[in-house]
């Protein structure tokens, strides 16, 4: 759900402001188009295909109030199955507010 497979622009902001923000190692690994992240995605694609593991890929469709769209559509696509756009932002996609919310179902 809303995983930045190709990184996130917000992580780049943390990198540019590293003197003030001091991004964590986890944040640094989420830089947009990071080579290590891309290699991890390629490895994962090969690994799941060799094991015939099915995926349900959900992507956020709403921007957050302060940061905008955290994981953009191109980054939310791991290249395994067609992503399904959910009516949620980065925070609410992982925290459904009711059992009728799309991510809960």
Protein backbone atom coordinates (compact mmCIF):
# COMPACT_ATOMS: atom_id res chain seq x y z
CA UNK A 1 0.00 0.00 0.00
CA UNK A 2 1.45 3.31 -1.16
CA UNK A 3 5.01 1.98 -1.27
CA UNK A 4 7.50 4.27 -3.06
CA UNK A 5 9.19 1.67 -5.29
CA UNK A 6 11.01 4.41 -7.23
CA UNK A 7 11.47 6.70 -4.23
CA UNK A 8 9.63 9.82 -3.14
CA UNK A 9 10.15 13.51 -3.81
CA UNK A 10 9.67 14.23 -0.10
CA UNK A 11 12.81 12.21 0.67
CA UNK A 12 14.70 14.46 -1.76
CA UNK A 13 13.60 17.50 0.23
CA UNK A 14 15.01 15.88 3.36
CA UNK A 15 18.27 15.27 1.53
CA UNK A 16 18.49 18.89 0.37
CA UNK A 17 17.73 20.14 3.87
CA UNK A 18 19.92 17.55 5.62
CA UNK A 19 21.71 20.12 7.82
CA UNK A 20 18.43 21.22 9.37
CA UNK A 21 16.31 18.06 9.09
CA UNK A 22 18.94 15.32 9.53
CA UNK A 23 17.16 12.60 7.55
CA UNK A 24 17.40 9.03 8.80
CA UNK A 25 19.16 6.28 6.84
CA UNK A 26 15.71 4.91 5.95
CA UNK A 27 14.70 8.27 4.46
CA UNK A 28 17.96 8.55 2.53
CA UNK A 29 17.26 5.18 0.90
CA UNK A 30 13.96 6.56 -0.47
CA UNK A 31 15.51 9.25 -2.66
CA UNK A 32 13.70 9.56 -5.98
CA UNK A 33 15.21 7.24 -8.62
CA UNK A 34 17.85 5.92 -6.21
CA UNK A 35 19.94 3.22 -7.88
CA UNK A 36 19.89 0.91 -4.83
CA UNK A 37 16.11 1.17 -4.60
CA UNK A 38 15.82 0.37 -8.30
CA UNK A 39 18.09 -2.68 -7.89
CA UNK A 40 15.97 -3.85 -4.95
CA UNK A 41 12.83 -3.53 -7.08
CA UNK A 42 14.38 -5.55 -9.91
CA UNK A 43 15.52 -8.23 -7.46
CA UNK A 44 12.07 -8.39 -5.86
CA UNK A 45 10.33 -8.71 -9.25
CA UNK A 46 12.54 -11.68 -10.15
CA UNK A 47 12.13 -13.25 -6.71
CA UNK A 48 8.30 -13.13 -6.66
CA UNK A 49 7.99 -14.29 -10.28
CA UNK A 50 10.13 -17.33 -9.52
CA UNK A 51 7.72 -18.17 -6.68
CA UNK A 52 4.50 -17.28 -8.52
CA UNK A 53 3.34 -14.86 -5.80
CA UNK A 54 0.26 -12.80 -6.64
CA UNK A 55 0.10 -9.12 -5.71
CA UNK A 56 -2.58 -6.55 -5.04
CA UNK A 57 -1.01 -3.11 -5.52
CA UNK A 58 -2.89 -0.16 -4.00
CA UNK A 59 -1.91 3.46 -4.64
CA UNK A 60 -3.00 6.68 -2.99
CA UNK A 61 -4.95 9.14 -5.12
CA UNK A 62 -5.22 12.20 -2.86
CA UNK A 63 -2.52 14.62 -1.74
CA UNK A 64 -1.85 15.14 1.96
CA UNK A 65 -2.70 18.53 3.42
CA UNK A 66 0.87 19.77 3.86
CA UNK A 67 3.12 17.59 1.71
CA UNK A 68 0.98 16.92 -1.35
CA UNK A 69 1.18 13.54 -3.05
CA UNK A 70 3.73 11.50 -1.10
CA UNK A 71 3.98 8.47 -3.40
CA UNK A 72 3.28 9.44 -6.98
CA UNK A 73 1.56 6.93 -9.30
CA UNK A 74 4.73 6.01 -11.22
CA UNK A 75 6.58 5.23 -7.99
CA UNK A 76 3.73 3.21 -6.50
CA UNK A 77 3.86 0.74 -9.38
CA UNK A 78 6.31 -2.10 -8.62
CA UNK A 79 5.88 -3.53 -12.12
CA UNK A 80 4.07 -6.66 -10.94
CA UNK A 81 0.36 -6.01 -11.42
CA UNK A 82 -1.81 -3.07 -12.40
CA UNK A 83 -2.09 -0.68 -9.42
CA UNK A 84 -5.55 0.11 -8.06
CA UNK A 85 -6.08 3.74 -7.17
CA UNK A 86 -7.69 4.13 -3.73
CA UNK A 87 -9.61 7.23 -2.62
CA UNK A 88 -7.12 8.06 0.15
CA UNK A 89 -3.96 10.01 0.91
CA UNK A 90 -0.66 8.53 2.11
CA UNK A 91 -1.81 8.37 5.73
CA UNK A 92 -5.40 7.19 5.33
CA UNK A 93 -4.59 4.44 2.81
CA UNK A 94 -2.84 2.46 5.56
CA UNK A 95 -5.30 3.41 8.32
CA UNK A 96 -8.83 2.76 7.09
CA UNK A 97 -11.42 4.55 9.22
CA UNK A 98 -14.06 1.84 8.85
CA UNK A 99 -14.58 -1.75 7.71
CA UNK A 100 -16.21 -0.38 4.54
CA UNK A 101 -13.09 1.49 3.39
CA UNK A 102 -11.51 0.09 0.21
CA UNK A 103 -8.21 -0.82 1.86
CA UNK A 104 -9.98 -2.67 4.66
CA UNK A 105 -12.06 -4.67 2.20
